[in-house]
Amino acid sequence: MDEAASDMTRKLSRPQASAAVADLGWRYVLGGYRTLARVPSLARAAEVSTRAVAACGEAAGQHLRLDVRPDLVALTLQSAAVAGVTQQDVVLARRISAALAELGVPTSPEIGPGVTRSVQVLEIAIDAMDIAAIRPFWKAVMGYGDETDGSAPDDGLIDPLWQGPTIWFQQMDVPRTQRNRIHFDVSVPHDEAPHRIQAALDAGGVLVSDAEAPAFWLLADAEGNEACVTTWQGRD
């Protein structure tokens, strides 16, 4: 790889990444570039998505993710090779913004009038005394995968479809003795529930209660952090 090509694929620092797209309506958030394109219909959203993919060319598959809805398209750019943004992502952001401008669709981090937030990324942090003991439970009960190669005991977990928030683990020094005030509800198809529950139990989880099954089963990891596997059944 020559020096010019290397410069294009080198991971940018956070200040570099943020400054590079400030004038384009993109924002650097948690390792990626993110923006929104507001549209009046799903057909227009499909057109915007097609333009964005075309603007990226062959790089689309390794850099671009799209969340297509009837009123907006959420676009994310990140280099899969470095789990961050590079100069190539800056170029792609400029190409996408220019292509959408030709359609009369600006790229903006703001959702629009009357909505109080802009682009954002949600993560879930689980405090634990023994991360290695509880991590397999959360991987199993959520149906998630490893954020990297899974070799680190505190490696994060990601939704393989990129629909749910990333889960990461924070080391505690003192155990928590009181009952949790927050837990997760994982809603799955009714025929997936037995498999998901068994996977969670095999991964070190415990069944706290099945009194409301098949509406939901209350499970917990080895340190008592709770999650419910829920279905549509038993609710009528």
C-alpha atoms as a PDB file:
ATOM      1  CA  MET A   1       0.000   0.000   0.000  1.00  0.00           C
ATOM      2  CA  ASP A   2       1.469   3.363  -1.001  1.00  0.00           C
ATOM      3  CA  GLU A   3       1.599   6.330   1.359  1.00  0.00           C
ATOM      4  CA  ALA A   4      -1.402   8.121  -0.184  1.00  0.00           C
ATOM      5  CA  ALA A   5      -3.570   5.015   0.144  1.00  0.00           C
ATOM      6  CA  SER A   6      -2.366   4.523   3.706  1.00  0.00           C
ATOM      7  CA  ASP A   7      -3.368   8.072   4.587  1.00  0.00           C
ATOM      8  CA  MET A   8      -6.903   7.387   3.302  1.00  0.00           C
ATOM      9  CA  THR A   9      -7.346   4.339   5.524  1.00  0.00           C
ATOM     10  CA  ARG A  10      -5.661   5.600   8.697  1.00  0.00           C
ATOM     11  CA  LYS A  11      -8.041   6.026  11.628  1.00  0.00           C
ATOM     12  CA  LEU A  12      -8.665   9.692  12.429  1.00  0.00           C
ATOM     13  CA  SER A  13      -8.368  11.093  15.920  1.00  0.00           C
ATOM     14  CA  ARG A  14     -11.591  12.255  17.537  1.00  0.00           C
ATOM     15  CA  PRO A  15     -10.860  15.995  16.996  1.00  0.00           C
ATOM     16  CA  GLN A  16      -9.842  15.331  13.388  1.00  0.00           C
ATOM     17  CA  ALA A  17     -12.929  13.248  12.747  1.00  0.00           C
ATOM     18  CA  SER A  18     -15.316  15.809  14.196  1.00  0.00           C
ATOM     19  CA  ALA A  19     -13.810  18.804  12.414  1.00  0.00           C
ATOM     20  CA  ALA A  20     -13.679  17.101   9.027  1.00  0.00           C
ATOM     21  CA  VAL A  21     -17.465  16.939   8.546  1.00  0.00           C
ATOM     22  CA  ALA A  22     -18.692  19.859  10.651  1.00  0.00           C
ATOM     23  CA  ASP A  23     -19.876  21.767   7.575  1.00  0.00           C
ATOM     24  CA  LEU A  24     -21.660  18.825   5.953  1.00  0.00           C
ATOM     25  CA  GLY A  25     -24.489  18.166   8.387  1.00  0.00           C
ATOM     26  CA  TRP A  26     -22.776  15.029   9.689  1.00  0.00           C
ATOM     27  CA  ARG A  27     -21.693  14.497  13.286  1.00  0.00           C
ATOM     28  CA  TYR A  28     -19.011  12.256  14.763  1.00  0.00           C
ATOM     29  CA  VAL A  29     -20.620  10.092  17.461  1.00  0.00           C
ATOM     30  CA  LEU A  30     -19.062   7.035  19.119  1.00  0.00           C
ATOM     31  CA  GLY A  31     -16.663   6.111  16.348  1.00  0.00           C
ATOM     32  CA  GLY A  32     -18.869   6.844  13.344  1.00  0.00           C
ATOM     33  CA  TYR A  33     -20.265   9.617  11.176  1.00  0.00           C
ATOM     34  CA  ARG A  34     -24.031  10.014  11.437  1.00  0.00           C
ATOM     35  CA  THR A  35     -26.626  12.158   9.714  1.00  0.00           C
ATOM     36  CA  LEU A  36     -30.311  12.216   8.818  1.00  0.00           C
ATOM     37  CA  ALA A  37     -32.163  12.901   5.592  1.00  0.00           C
ATOM     38  CA  ARG A  38     -35.794  13.880   6.061  1.00  0.00           C
ATOM     39  CA  VAL A  39     -38.167  12.621   3.375  1.00  0.00           C
ATOM     40  CA  PRO A  40     -41.936  12.783   2.689  1.00  0.00           C
ATOM     41  CA  SER A  41     -42.471   9.135   1.766  1.00  0.00           C
ATOM     42  CA  LEU A  42     -40.968   5.663   1.745  1.00  0.00           C
ATOM     43  CA  ALA A  43     -40.518   5.898  -2.018  1.00  0.00           C
ATOM     44  CA  ARG A  44     -38.420   9.035  -1.538  1.00  0.00           C
ATOM     45  CA  ALA A  45     -36.486   7.304   1.233  1.00  0.00           C
ATOM     46  CA  ALA A  46     -35.658   4.484  -1.172  1.00  0.00           C
ATOM     47  CA  GLU A  47     -34.461   7.002  -3.748  1.00  0.00           C
ATOM     48  CA  VAL A  48     -32.262   8.738  -1.164  1.00  0.00           C
ATOM     49  CA  SER A  49     -30.815   5.385  -0.118  1.00  0.00           C
ATOM     50  CA  THR A  50     -30.056   4.424  -3.708  1.00  0.00           C
ATOM     51  CA  ARG A  51     -28.246   7.733  -4.276  1.00  0.00           C
ATOM     52  CA  ALA A  52     -26.228   7.304  -1.098  1.00  0.00           C
ATOM     53  CA  VAL A  53     -25.129   3.796  -2.065  1.00  0.00           C
ATOM     54  CA  ALA A  54     -24.215   4.948  -5.563  1.00  0.00           C
ATOM     55  CA  ALA A  55     -22.187   7.842  -4.134  1.00  0.00           C
ATOM     56  CA  CYS A  56     -20.125   5.381  -2.104  1.00  0.00           C
ATOM     57  CA  GLY A  57     -19.580   2.997  -5.001  1.00  0.00           C
ATOM     58  CA  GLU A  58     -17.701  -0.166  -4.132  1.00  0.00           C
ATOM     59  CA  ALA A  59     -16.892   1.204  -0.668  1.00  0.00           C
ATOM     60  CA  ALA A  60     -20.562   1.121   0.405  1.00  0.00           C
ATOM     61  CA  GLY A  61     -20.421  -2.424   1.738  1.00  0.00           C
ATOM     62  CA  GLN A  62     -17.549  -1.718   4.132  1.00  0.00           C
ATOM     63  CA  HIS A  63     -18.520   1.796   5.213  1.00  0.00           C
ATOM     64  CA  LEU A  64     -22.219   2.660   4.880  1.00  0.00           C
ATOM     65  CA  ARG A  65     -25.242   1.597   6.954  1.00  0.00           C
ATOM     66  CA  LEU A  66     -28.772   2.795   6.314  1.00  0.00           C
ATOM     67  CA  ASP A  67     -31.917   2.861   8.439  1.00  0.00           C
ATOM     68  CA  VAL A  68     -34.750   3.535   5.985  1.00  0.00           C
ATOM     69  CA  ARG A  69     -38.109   4.833   7.227  1.00  0.00           C
ATOM     70  CA  PRO A  70     -41.108   6.588   5.627  1.00  0.00           C
ATOM     71  CA  ASP A  71     -40.115   9.978   7.066  1.00  0.00           C
ATOM     72  CA  LEU A  72     -36.318   9.805   7.214  1.00  0.00           C
ATOM     73  CA  VAL A  73     -33.191   7.926   6.302  1.00  0.00           C
ATOM     74  CA  ALA A  74     -30.519   7.613   8.992  1.00  0.00           C
ATOM     75  CA  LEU A  75     -27.045   7.224   7.499  1.00  0.00           C
ATOM     76  CA  THR A  76     -23.919   5.989   9.262  1.00  0.00           C
ATOM     77  CA  LEU A  77     -20.374   5.882   7.918  1.00  0.00           C
ATOM     78  CA  GLN A  78     -17.629   3.888   9.603  1.00  0.00           C
ATOM     79  CA  SER A  79     -14.653   1.955   8.332  1.00  0.00           C
ATOM     80  CA  ALA A  80     -15.160  -1.650   9.383  1.00  0.00           C
ATOM     81  CA  ALA A  81     -11.429  -2.305   9.117  1.00  0.00           C
ATOM     82  CA  VAL A  82     -10.492   0.129  11.895  1.00  0.00           C
ATOM     83  CA  ALA A  83     -13.808   0.399  13.798  1.00  0.00           C
ATOM     84  CA  GLY A  84     -13.629   4.158  13.353  1.00  0.00           C
ATOM     85  CA  VAL A  85     -13.586   6.805  10.656  1.00  0.00           C
ATOM     86  CA  THR A  86     -10.856   7.492   8.133  1.00  0.00           C
ATOM     87  CA  GLN A  87     -10.196  10.079   5.460  1.00  0.00           C
ATOM     88  CA  GLN A  88     -12.082   7.798   3.097  1.00  0.00           C
ATOM     89  CA  ASP A  89     -15.194   8.185   5.272  1.00  0.00           C
ATOM     90  CA  VAL A  90     -14.786  11.971   5.043  1.00  0.00           C
ATOM     91  CA  VAL A  91     -14.731  11.691   1.246  1.00  0.00           C
ATOM     92  CA  LEU A  92     -17.799   9.446   1.279  1.00  0.00           C
ATOM     93  CA  ALA A  93     -19.689  11.866   3.546  1.00  0.00           C
ATOM     94  CA  ARG A  94     -18.995  14.689   1.103  1.00  0.00           C
ATOM     95  CA  ARG A  95     -20.095  12.581  -1.851  1.00  0.00           C
ATOM     96  CA  ILE A  96     -23.318  11.524  -0.154  1.00  0.00           C
ATOM     97  CA  SER A  97     -24.202  15.053   0.945  1.00  0.00           C
ATOM     98  CA  ALA A  98     -23.571  16.356  -2.583  1.00  0.00           C
ATOM     99  CA  ALA A  99     -25.649  13.595  -4.170  1.00  0.00           C
ATOM    100  CA  LEU A 100     -28.574  14.178  -1.816  1.00  0.00           C
ATOM    101  CA  ALA A 101     -28.362  17.944  -2.294  1.00  0.00           C
ATOM    102  CA  GLU A 102     -29.018  17.323  -5.988  1.00  0.00           C
ATOM    103  CA  LEU A 103     -32.309  15.729  -4.887  1.00  0.00           C
ATOM    104  CA  GLY A 104     -33.108  18.718  -2.696  1.00  0.00           C
ATOM    105  CA  VAL A 105     -32.583  16.637   0.449  1.00  0.00           C
ATOM    106  CA  PRO A 106     -30.078  18.134   2.907  1.00  0.00           C
ATOM    107  CA  THR A 107     -28.096  16.062   5.381  1.00  0.00           C
ATOM    108  CA  SER A 108     -28.580  17.223   8.961  1.00  0.00           C
ATOM    109  CA  PRO A 109     -27.982  15.816  12.453  1.00  0.00           C
ATOM    110  CA  GLU A 110     -31.319  17.258  13.615  1.00  0.00           C
ATOM    111  CA  ILE A 111     -34.503  15.221  13.294  1.00  0.00           C
ATOM    112  CA  GLY A 112     -36.645  18.279  12.677  1.00  0.00           C
ATOM    113  CA  PRO A 113     -39.072  20.781  14.205  1.00  0.00           C
ATOM    114  CA  GLY A 114     -40.768  19.690  17.406  1.00  0.00           C
ATOM    115  CA  VAL A 115     -38.269  16.897  18.127  1.00  0.00           C
ATOM    116  CA  THR A 116     -35.829  17.488  20.944  1.00  0.00           C
ATOM    117  CA  ARG A 117     -32.911  15.297  19.926  1.00  0.00           C
ATOM    118  CA  SER A 118     -30.409  14.866  17.126  1.00  0.00           C
ATOM    119  CA  VAL A 119     -28.455  11.803  16.027  1.00  0.00           C
ATOM    120  CA  GLN A 120     -27.331   9.736  18.988  1.00  0.00           C
ATOM    121  CA  VAL A 121     -26.120   6.261  19.931  1.00  0.00           C
ATOM    122  CA  LEU A 122     -27.472   4.324  22.891  1.00  0.00           C
ATOM    123  CA  GLU A 123     -25.278   1.906  24.828  1.00  0.00           C
ATOM    124  CA  ILE A 124     -26.111  -0.189  27.882  1.00  0.00           C
ATOM    125  CA  ALA A 125     -23.534  -0.567  30.646  1.00  0.00           C
ATOM    126  CA  ILE A 126     -23.730  -3.454  33.116  1.00  0.00           C
ATOM    127  CA  ASP A 127     -21.737  -3.140  36.344  1.00  0.00           C
ATOM    128  CA  ALA A 128     -20.241  -6.411  37.538  1.00  0.00           C
ATOM    129  CA  MET A 129     -17.798  -7.872  40.011  1.00  0.00           C
ATOM    130  CA  ASP A 130     -16.909 -10.797  37.728  1.00  0.00           C
ATOM    131  CA  ILE A 131     -17.451  -9.730  34.122  1.00  0.00           C
ATOM    132  CA  ALA A 132     -16.260 -13.041  32.679  1.00  0.00           C
ATOM    133  CA  ALA A 133     -18.916 -14.877  34.695  1.00  0.00           C
ATOM    134  CA  ILE A 134     -21.892 -12.841  33.488  1.00  0.00           C
ATOM    135  CA  ARG A 135     -20.895 -11.850  29.953  1.00  0.00           C
ATOM    136  CA  PRO A 136     -21.905 -15.221  28.402  1.00  0.00           C
ATOM    137  CA  PHE A 137     -25.394 -14.875  29.911  1.00  0.00           C
ATOM    138  CA  TRP A 138     -25.979 -11.495  28.296  1.00  0.00           C
ATOM    139  CA  LYS A 139     -24.601 -12.683  24.984  1.00  0.00           C
ATOM    140  CA  ALA A 140     -27.019 -15.619  25.053  1.00  0.00           C
ATOM    141  CA  VAL A 141     -30.159 -13.956  26.391  1.00  0.00           C
ATOM    142  CA  MET A 142     -29.867 -11.001  23.972  1.00  0.00           C
ATOM    143  CA  GLY A 143     -28.868 -13.099  20.965  1.00  0.00           C
ATOM    144  CA  TYR A 144     -25.836 -10.828  20.531  1.00  0.00           C
ATOM    145  CA  GLY A 145     -22.317 -11.325  19.188  1.00  0.00           C
ATOM    146  CA  ASP A 146     -18.844 -10.197  20.184  1.00  0.00           C
ATOM    147  CA  GLU A 147     -17.931  -6.578  19.460  1.00  0.00           C
ATOM    148  CA  THR A 148     -14.408  -7.577  18.431  1.00  0.00           C
ATOM    149  CA  ASP A 149     -12.950 -11.078  18.554  1.00  0.00           C
ATOM    150  CA  GLY A 150     -14.295 -11.915  22.011  1.00  0.00           C
ATOM    151  CA  SER A 151     -10.849 -12.623  23.427  1.00  0.00           C
ATOM    152  CA  ALA A 152     -10.977  -9.889  26.060  1.00  0.00           C
ATOM    153  CA  PRO A 153     -13.091 -10.873  29.102  1.00  0.00           C
ATOM    154  CA  ASP A 154     -14.780  -7.449  29.125  1.00  0.00           C
ATOM    155  CA  ASP A 155     -15.264  -7.185  25.361  1.00  0.00           C
ATOM    156  CA  GLY A 156     -18.546  -5.503  24.425  1.00  0.00           C
ATOM    157  CA  LEU A 157     -21.534  -7.219  22.811  1.00  0.00           C
ATOM    158  CA  ILE A 158     -23.318  -6.053  19.669  1.00  0.00           C
ATOM    159  CA  ASP A 159     -26.582  -6.782  17.914  1.00  0.00           C
ATOM    160  CA  PRO A 160     -25.606  -8.592  14.690  1.00  0.00           C
ATOM    161  CA  LEU A 161     -28.385  -6.679  12.897  1.00  0.00           C
ATOM    162  CA  TRP A 162     -27.308  -3.316  14.387  1.00  0.00           C
ATOM    163  CA  GLN A 163     -30.838  -2.673  15.646  1.00  0.00           C
ATOM    164  CA  GLY A 164     -30.226  -2.824  19.389  1.00  0.00           C
ATOM    165  CA  PRO A 165     -27.768  -0.927  21.579  1.00  0.00           C
ATOM    166  CA  THR A 166     -24.271  -2.153  22.278  1.00  0.00           C
ATOM    167  CA  ILE A 167     -23.765  -3.689  25.728  1.00  0.00           C
ATOM    168  CA  TRP A 168     -20.534  -3.154  27.634  1.00  0.00           C
ATOM    169  CA  PHE A 169     -19.340  -4.105  31.091  1.00  0.00           C
ATOM    170  CA  GLN A 170     -17.904  -1.974  33.866  1.00  0.00           C
ATOM    171  CA  GLN A 171     -15.838  -3.425  36.669  1.00  0.00           C
ATOM    172  CA  MET A 172     -17.275  -2.938  40.173  1.00  0.00           C
ATOM    173  CA  ASP A 173     -15.233  -2.868  43.369  1.00  0.00           C
ATOM    174  CA  VAL A 174     -18.098  -3.510  45.792  1.00  0.00           C
ATOM    175  CA  PRO A 175     -21.000  -5.904  45.101  1.00  0.00           C
ATOM    176  CA  ARG A 176     -24.522  -4.526  44.810  1.00  0.00           C
ATOM    177  CA  THR A 177     -26.807  -6.145  47.378  1.00  0.00           C
ATOM    178  CA  GLN A 178     -30.172  -4.509  46.713  1.00  0.00           C
ATOM    179  CA  ARG A 179     -32.585  -5.647  44.009  1.00  0.00           C
ATOM    180  CA  ASN A 180     -32.153  -4.073  40.575  1.00  0.00           C
ATOM    181  CA  ARG A 181     -34.516  -1.226  39.753  1.00  0.00           C
ATOM    182  CA  ILE A 182     -33.977  -1.643  36.001  1.00  0.00           C
ATOM    183  CA  HIS A 183     -34.078  -4.818  33.926  1.00  0.00           C
ATOM    184  CA  PHE A 184     -34.247  -5.731  30.224  1.00  0.00           C
ATOM    185  CA  ASP A 185     -37.300  -7.131  28.432  1.00  0.00           C
ATOM    186  CA  VAL A 186     -36.209  -9.165  25.408  1.00  0.00           C
ATOM    187  CA  SER A 187     -39.278  -9.755  23.223  1.00  0.00           C
ATOM    188  CA  VAL A 188     -38.844 -12.743  20.914  1.00  0.00           C
ATOM    189  CA  PRO A 189     -41.061 -14.924  18.688  1.00  0.00           C
ATOM    190  CA  HIS A 190     -42.952 -17.478  20.771  1.00  0.00           C
ATOM    191  CA  ASP A 191     -41.086 -20.396  19.185  1.00  0.00           C
ATOM    192  CA  GLU A 192     -37.712 -18.753  19.872  1.00  0.00           C
ATOM    193  CA  ALA A 193     -38.320 -18.332  23.618  1.00  0.00           C
ATOM    194  CA  PRO A 194     -37.413 -21.905  24.718  1.00  0.00           C
ATOM    195  CA  HIS A 195     -34.148 -21.777  22.775  1.00  0.00           C
ATOM    196  CA  ARG A 196     -33.220 -18.324  24.077  1.00  0.00           C
ATOM    197  CA  ILE A 197     -34.009 -19.286  27.684  1.00  0.00           C
ATOM    198  CA  GLN A 198     -32.022 -22.510  27.475  1.00  0.00           C
ATOM    199  CA  ALA A 199     -29.065 -20.690  25.923  1.00  0.00           C
ATOM    200  CA  ALA A 200     -29.128 -18.164  28.774  1.00  0.00           C
ATOM    201  CA  LEU A 201     -29.269 -20.932  31.403  1.00  0.00           C
ATOM    202  CA  ASP A 202     -26.452 -22.846  29.702  1.00  0.00           C
ATOM    203  CA  ALA A 203     -24.406 -19.631  29.799  1.00  0.00           C
ATOM    204  CA  GLY A 204     -24.586 -19.396  33.589  1.00  0.00           C
ATOM    205  CA  GLY A 205     -27.960 -17.726  34.047  1.00  0.00           C
ATOM    206  CA  VAL A 206     -30.652 -18.747  36.520  1.00  0.00           C
ATOM    207  CA  LEU A 207     -34.425 -18.924  36.218  1.00  0.00           C
ATOM    208  CA  VAL A 208     -35.830 -16.551  38.830  1.00  0.00           C
ATOM    209  CA  SER A 209     -39.509 -17.101  38.010  1.00  0.00           C
ATOM    210  CA  ASP A 210     -41.711 -18.670  35.342  1.00  0.00           C
ATOM    211  CA  ALA A 211     -44.964 -17.805  37.145  1.00  0.00           C
ATOM    212  CA  GLU A 212     -46.111 -15.598  34.253  1.00  0.00           C
ATOM    213  CA  ALA A 213     -44.935 -17.902  31.442  1.00  0.00           C
ATOM    214  CA  PRO A 214     -45.490 -17.973  28.523  1.00  0.00           C
ATOM    215  CA  ALA A 215     -46.005 -14.210  28.734  1.00  0.00           C
ATOM    216  CA  PHE A 216     -42.543 -13.860  30.243  1.00  0.00           C
ATOM    217  CA  TRP A 217     -39.808 -15.688  32.127  1.00  0.00           C
ATOM    218  CA  LEU A 218     -37.652 -13.782  34.627  1.00  0.00           C
ATOM    219  CA  LEU A 219     -33.976 -14.714  34.354  1.00  0.00           C
ATOM    220  CA  ALA A 220     -30.838 -13.361  35.993  1.00  0.00           C
ATOM    221  CA  ASP A 221     -27.110 -13.579  35.453  1.00  0.00           C
ATOM    222  CA  ALA A 222     -24.746 -14.973  38.084  1.00  0.00           C
ATOM    223  CA  GLU A 223     -24.693 -11.633  39.941  1.00  0.00           C
ATOM    224  CA  GLY A 224     -28.462 -11.112  39.951  1.00  0.00           C
ATOM    225  CA  ASN A 225     -28.829  -8.662  37.035  1.00  0.00           C
ATOM    226  CA  GLU A 226     -32.234  -9.453  35.570  1.00  0.00           C
ATOM    227  CA  ALA A 227     -33.743  -9.898  32.128  1.00  0.00           C
ATOM    228  CA  CYS A 228     -37.172 -11.073  31.000  1.00  0.00           C
ATOM    229  CA  VAL A 229     -37.682 -13.143  27.878  1.00  0.00           C
ATOM    230  CA  THR A 230     -41.176 -12.231  26.697  1.00  0.00           C
ATOM    231  CA  THR A 231     -43.631 -13.432  24.021  1.00  0.00           C
ATOM    232  CA  TRP A 232     -47.108 -12.538  22.839  1.00  0.00           C
ATOM    233  CA  GLN A 233     -48.590 -15.659  24.407  1.00  0.00           C
ATOM    234  CA  GLY A 234     -50.554 -15.736  27.649  1.00  0.00           C
ATOM    235  CA  ARG A 235     -51.625 -12.104  27.458  1.00  0.00           C
ATOM    236  CA  ASP A 236     -55.230 -12.287  26.222  1.00  0.00           C
END
